């Protein structure tokens, strides 16, 4: 009987390990999603033409609130939730006053 319990425990632990391994995030995929979000934010914000893309992105990411909104947009994209995606993108502060 102990063997059966031990066998079930091992199977459960293996299943949990495989499920956890599948959940590991791919940094390249995350970066690609972030770039897609930044492109959509750029469409919404219409940045000044005198700024380079890198300068504009640095300015947008200088705000902690914007970083959180971009993270939420990426999460919504992963979950195929377009309503939450566009809500997060629309709330990003374009920082046009700077």
Protein backbone atom coordinates (compact mmCIF):
# COMPACT_ATOMS: atom_id res chain seq x y z
CA UNK A 1 0.00 0.00 0.00
CA UNK A 2 2.88 2.37 0.76
CA UNK A 3 4.28 1.71 -2.67
CA UNK A 4 1.02 2.83 -4.28
CA UNK A 5 0.98 6.04 -2.23
CA UNK A 6 4.61 6.72 -3.04
CA UNK A 7 3.94 6.10 -6.74
CA UNK A 8 1.01 8.56 -6.71
CA UNK A 9 3.14 11.14 -4.92
CA UNK A 10 5.93 10.81 -7.47
CA UNK A 11 3.45 11.16 -10.35
CA UNK A 12 1.94 14.28 -8.77
CA UNK A 13 5.36 15.84 -8.22
CA UNK A 14 6.41 15.09 -11.80
CA UNK A 15 3.20 16.64 -13.12
CA UNK A 16 3.78 19.75 -11.03
CA UNK A 17 7.37 19.99 -12.26
CA UNK A 18 6.29 19.76 -15.91
CA UNK A 19 3.56 22.34 -15.38
CA UNK A 20 6.03 24.70 -13.72
CA UNK A 21 8.59 24.18 -16.48
CA UNK A 22 5.98 25.09 -19.07
CA UNK A 23 5.24 28.37 -17.25
CA UNK A 24 8.75 29.75 -17.56
CA UNK A 25 8.72 33.02 -19.44
CA UNK A 26 10.64 33.59 -22.63
CA UNK A 27 12.46 36.95 -22.38
CA UNK A 28 12.62 37.31 -26.17
CA UNK A 29 8.86 36.81 -26.46
CA UNK A 30 8.24 39.31 -23.64
CA UNK A 31 10.46 41.89 -25.35
CA UNK A 32 8.68 41.38 -28.66
CA UNK A 33 5.29 41.85 -26.98
CA UNK A 34 6.58 44.98 -25.25
CA UNK A 35 7.69 46.38 -28.61
CA UNK A 36 4.22 45.73 -30.06
CA UNK A 37 2.69 47.56 -27.10
CA UNK A 38 5.10 50.48 -27.55
CA UNK A 39 4.16 50.73 -31.24
CA UNK A 40 0.48 50.89 -30.33
CA UNK A 41 1.18 53.50 -27.66
CA UNK A 42 3.10 55.50 -30.24
CA UNK A 43 0.07 55.40 -32.56
CA UNK A 44 -2.14 56.69 -29.73
CA UNK A 45 0.29 59.34 -28.49
CA UNK A 46 1.66 60.81 -31.75
CA UNK A 47 5.05 61.84 -30.32
CA UNK A 48 6.92 64.93 -31.44
CA UNK A 49 8.92 64.36 -34.59
CA UNK A 50 12.06 65.93 -33.10
CA UNK A 51 12.51 62.92 -30.77
CA UNK A 52 14.12 59.68 -31.80
CA UNK A 53 12.23 56.46 -31.10
CA UNK A 54 14.70 55.61 -28.35
CA UNK A 55 14.34 59.01 -26.68
CA UNK A 56 10.55 58.76 -26.82
CA UNK A 57 10.56 55.22 -25.38
CA UNK A 58 12.92 56.27 -22.58
CA UNK A 59 10.66 59.19 -21.73
CA UNK A 60 7.53 57.00 -21.66
CA UNK A 61 9.26 54.35 -19.53
CA UNK A 62 10.54 56.94 -17.05
CA UNK A 63 7.13 56.85 -15.35
CA UNK A 64 6.43 53.99 -12.95
CA UNK A 65 2.70 54.26 -13.76
CA UNK A 66 3.45 53.82 -17.46
CA UNK A 67 5.66 50.81 -16.76
CA UNK A 68 2.81 49.18 -14.86
CA UNK A 69 0.31 49.96 -17.65
CA UNK A 70 2.67 48.50 -20.26
CA UNK A 71 3.10 45.38 -18.13
CA UNK A 72 -0.69 45.11 -17.85
CA UNK A 73 -1.03 45.53 -21.62
CA UNK A 74 1.47 42.72 -22.23
CA UNK A 75 -0.41 40.50 -19.79
CA UNK A 76 -3.72 41.29 -21.52
CA UNK A 77 -2.10 40.48 -24.87
CA UNK A 78 -0.95 37.10 -23.53
CA UNK A 79 -4.51 36.39 -22.38
CA UNK A 80 -6.06 37.59 -25.66
CA UNK A 81 -8.06 40.21 -23.77
CA UNK A 82 -8.31 43.11 -26.23
CA UNK A 83 -10.56 45.24 -24.02
CA UNK A 84 -8.01 45.29 -21.18
CA UNK A 85 -5.18 45.70 -23.68
CA UNK A 86 -6.59 48.86 -25.24
CA UNK A 87 -7.68 50.17 -21.85
CA UNK A 88 -4.09 49.92 -20.58
CA UNK A 89 -2.65 51.41 -23.78
CA UNK A 90 -5.13 54.27 -23.64
CA UNK A 91 -4.23 55.14 -20.04
CA UNK A 92 -0.49 55.56 -20.73
CA UNK A 93 0.62 59.13 -20.09
CA UNK A 94 2.03 60.41 -23.39
CA UNK A 95 4.10 63.04 -21.54
CA UNK A 96 3.53 65.63 -24.25
CA UNK A 97 4.27 68.42 -21.78
CA UNK A 98 7.94 67.42 -21.46
